Amino acid sequence: MNERAATTIVRRLTSVSDAQVQQLAALLIDCVEGGASVSFMLPLSFERAQAFWQRVAAGVHDGERALLVAEDGPGAIVGTVQLVLEQPENQPHRADLAKMLVHRRARRQGFPQPPHDPGGGGAVTGEFAAIDGDEAHRLRVVGMQHGLARAM
């Protein structure tokens, strides 16, 4: 892991500000311009990207989505991933991973460990089982450290 990755912070956004929507829109555009296949095609206008993130922000506010962001030292969002929490009633243990995006300038830098919560505020009473094997383990660890898992 290089020095940039060492200064990158991963955190959960419980609300999304207008400034964060703008940063997320710029991130989405960078990914699409870099060839990422994430349900958008070129040309992607800033307005369309911003409208997408405003809908995501509403889902975060309503508890339907969890949004994690990776921020570099100055606080610029360089990566994001969503967990879609709103699932059918017979699948309360499940979340869908959606829109993992990393800015081209932040790729291949190593992945920082999410901050540890020594106060136990992110305690977990359940875990998501939508992803198997190593990915499930990584998601479980990130989820536990960010309080994303729900009681079953």
Protein backbone atom coordinates (compact mmCIF):
# COMPACT_ATOMS: atom_id res chain seq x y z
CA MET A 1 0.00 0.00 0.00
CA ASN A 2 1.40 3.42 -0.86
CA GLU A 3 1.32 6.69 1.05
CA ARG A 4 -1.88 7.93 -0.65
CA ALA A 5 -3.77 4.78 0.37
CA ALA A 6 -2.48 5.20 3.93
CA THR A 7 -4.19 8.61 4.09
CA THR A 8 -7.46 7.39 2.58
CA ILE A 9 -10.36 7.13 5.01
CA VAL A 10 -13.41 4.89 4.49
CA ARG A 11 -16.59 5.95 6.22
CA ARG A 12 -20.33 5.54 6.03
CA LEU A 13 -22.42 8.56 5.08
CA THR A 14 -25.66 8.68 7.04
CA SER A 15 -26.73 11.73 5.07
CA VAL A 16 -25.44 13.16 1.81
CA SER A 17 -24.77 16.89 1.45
CA ASP A 18 -25.08 18.86 -1.79
CA ALA A 19 -21.27 19.15 -1.92
CA GLN A 20 -20.96 15.36 -1.57
CA VAL A 21 -23.55 14.85 -4.33
CA GLN A 22 -21.39 17.04 -6.58
CA GLN A 23 -18.24 15.05 -5.72
CA LEU A 24 -20.05 11.75 -6.29
CA ALA A 25 -21.37 13.01 -9.65
CA ALA A 26 -17.82 13.94 -10.72
CA LEU A 27 -16.62 10.48 -9.58
CA LEU A 28 -19.32 8.75 -11.62
CA ILE A 29 -18.43 10.78 -14.70
CA ASP A 30 -14.74 9.95 -14.28
CA CYS A 31 -15.53 6.23 -14.06
CA VAL A 32 -17.81 6.29 -17.12
CA GLU A 33 -15.25 8.31 -19.11
CA GLY A 34 -12.66 5.72 -18.06
CA GLY A 35 -14.74 2.93 -19.59
CA ALA A 36 -16.52 1.56 -16.53
CA SER A 37 -19.73 -0.31 -17.30
CA VAL A 38 -21.94 1.01 -14.50
CA SER A 39 -25.34 1.48 -16.21
CA PHE A 40 -24.40 4.83 -17.80
CA MET A 41 -23.11 5.64 -21.27
CA LEU A 42 -21.13 8.48 -22.76
CA PRO A 43 -21.74 11.30 -22.90
CA LEU A 44 -22.81 11.52 -19.26
CA SER A 45 -23.80 15.05 -18.31
CA PHE A 46 -23.11 16.43 -14.86
CA GLU A 47 -26.87 17.02 -14.45
CA ARG A 48 -27.71 13.34 -15.10
CA ALA A 49 -24.96 12.17 -12.76
CA GLN A 50 -26.10 14.61 -10.09
CA ALA A 51 -29.75 13.48 -10.44
CA PHE A 52 -28.63 9.85 -9.94
CA TRP A 53 -26.78 10.73 -6.72
CA GLN A 54 -29.71 12.81 -5.45
CA ARG A 55 -31.87 9.67 -5.76
CA VAL A 56 -29.21 7.66 -3.92
CA ALA A 57 -29.09 10.36 -1.22
CA ALA A 58 -32.86 10.02 -0.77
CA GLY A 59 -32.42 6.25 -0.37
CA VAL A 60 -29.72 6.83 2.25
CA HIS A 61 -32.00 9.23 4.09
CA ASP A 62 -34.88 6.72 3.99
CA GLY A 63 -32.69 3.84 5.22
CA GLU A 64 -33.02 1.91 1.95
CA ARG A 65 -29.30 2.18 1.14
CA ALA A 66 -26.02 2.34 2.99
CA LEU A 67 -23.36 4.48 1.30
CA LEU A 68 -19.66 4.08 2.03
CA VAL A 69 -17.13 6.54 0.65
CA ALA A 70 -13.35 6.55 0.49
CA GLU A 71 -11.88 10.02 0.96
CA ASP A 72 -8.29 11.05 0.39
CA GLY A 73 -6.32 13.25 2.79
CA PRO A 74 -7.93 16.54 1.69
CA GLY A 75 -11.41 15.02 2.01
CA ALA A 76 -12.15 14.49 -1.68
CA ILE A 77 -14.29 11.42 -2.43
CA VAL A 78 -12.17 9.01 -4.49
CA GLY A 79 -14.34 5.90 -4.18
CA THR A 80 -17.75 4.67 -3.13
CA VAL A 81 -19.92 1.59 -2.79
CA GLN A 82 -23.57 1.15 -1.90
CA LEU A 83 -25.43 -1.58 -0.10
CA VAL A 84 -29.08 -1.83 -1.10
CA LEU A 85 -30.77 -2.65 2.21
CA GLU A 86 -34.39 -2.58 1.02
CA GLN A 87 -35.11 -6.24 0.31
CA PRO A 88 -38.19 -8.49 0.22
CA GLU A 89 -39.51 -9.36 3.68
CA ASN A 90 -38.31 -12.96 3.39
CA GLN A 91 -34.70 -11.76 2.89
CA PRO A 92 -33.89 -9.51 5.88
CA HIS A 93 -30.40 -11.04 6.03
CA ARG A 94 -29.51 -9.79 2.57
CA ALA A 95 -28.10 -6.64 0.98
CA ASP A 96 -27.09 -6.10 -2.63
CA LEU A 97 -23.71 -4.55 -3.38
CA ALA A 98 -24.12 -1.77 -5.95
CA LYS A 99 -22.08 0.83 -7.82
CA MET A 100 -18.56 0.26 -6.55
CA LEU A 101 -16.71 3.21 -8.10
CA VAL A 102 -13.06 4.26 -7.80
CA HIS A 103 -11.65 7.40 -9.39
CA ARG A 104 -8.97 6.64 -11.98
CA ARG A 105 -6.35 8.59 -10.00
CA ALA A 106 -6.99 6.44 -6.91
CA ARG A 107 -6.90 3.00 -8.54
CA ARG A 108 -4.24 0.41 -7.71
CA GLN A 109 -3.27 2.28 -4.55
CA GLY A 110 -4.16 -0.46 -2.08
CA PHE A 111 -7.26 -0.58 0.07
CA PRO A 112 -7.23 1.11 3.48
CA GLN A 113 -8.73 -0.59 6.47
CA PRO A 114 -11.93 1.05 7.70
CA PRO A 115 -11.55 2.82 11.01
CA HIS A 116 -12.01 0.65 14.10
CA ASP A 117 -14.70 1.73 16.55
CA PRO A 118 -13.27 0.98 20.00
CA GLY A 119 -16.46 2.30 21.64
CA GLY A 120 -18.49 -0.50 20.12
CA GLY A 121 -20.98 1.90 18.51
CA GLY A 122 -20.92 -0.22 15.37
CA ALA A 123 -21.98 -3.43 17.08
CA VAL A 124 -23.53 -6.00 14.80
CA THR A 125 -26.28 -8.45 15.68
CA GLY A 126 -26.67 -9.98 12.21
CA GLU A 127 -24.79 -10.21 8.96
CA PHE A 128 -25.54 -10.10 5.26
CA ALA A 129 -25.23 -13.36 3.36
CA ALA A 130 -25.73 -12.19 -0.25
CA ILE A 131 -22.06 -12.68 -1.20
CA ASP A 132 -20.15 -15.90 -0.64
CA GLY A 133 -16.55 -16.74 0.30
CA ASP A 134 -13.86 -14.10 0.60
CA GLU A 135 -16.13 -11.30 -0.61
CA ALA A 136 -18.67 -12.11 2.09
CA HIS A 137 -15.94 -12.05 4.70
CA ARG A 138 -14.65 -8.65 3.52
CA LEU A 139 -18.18 -7.25 3.35
CA ARG A 140 -18.91 -8.64 6.83
CA VAL A 141 -15.77 -6.99 8.24
CA VAL A 142 -16.55 -3.63 6.62
CA GLY A 143 -20.19 -3.94 7.67
CA MET A 144 -19.30 -4.72 11.26
CA GLN A 145 -16.90 -1.80 11.44
CA HIS A 146 -19.54 0.55 10.04
CA GLY A 147 -22.64 -0.83 11.79
CA LEU A 148 -24.29 -1.85 8.51
CA ALA A 149 -25.67 -5.22 9.50
CA ARG A 150 -29.17 -5.34 10.92
CA ALA A 151 -30.75 -7.53 13.53
CA MET A 152 -32.21 -10.63 11.97
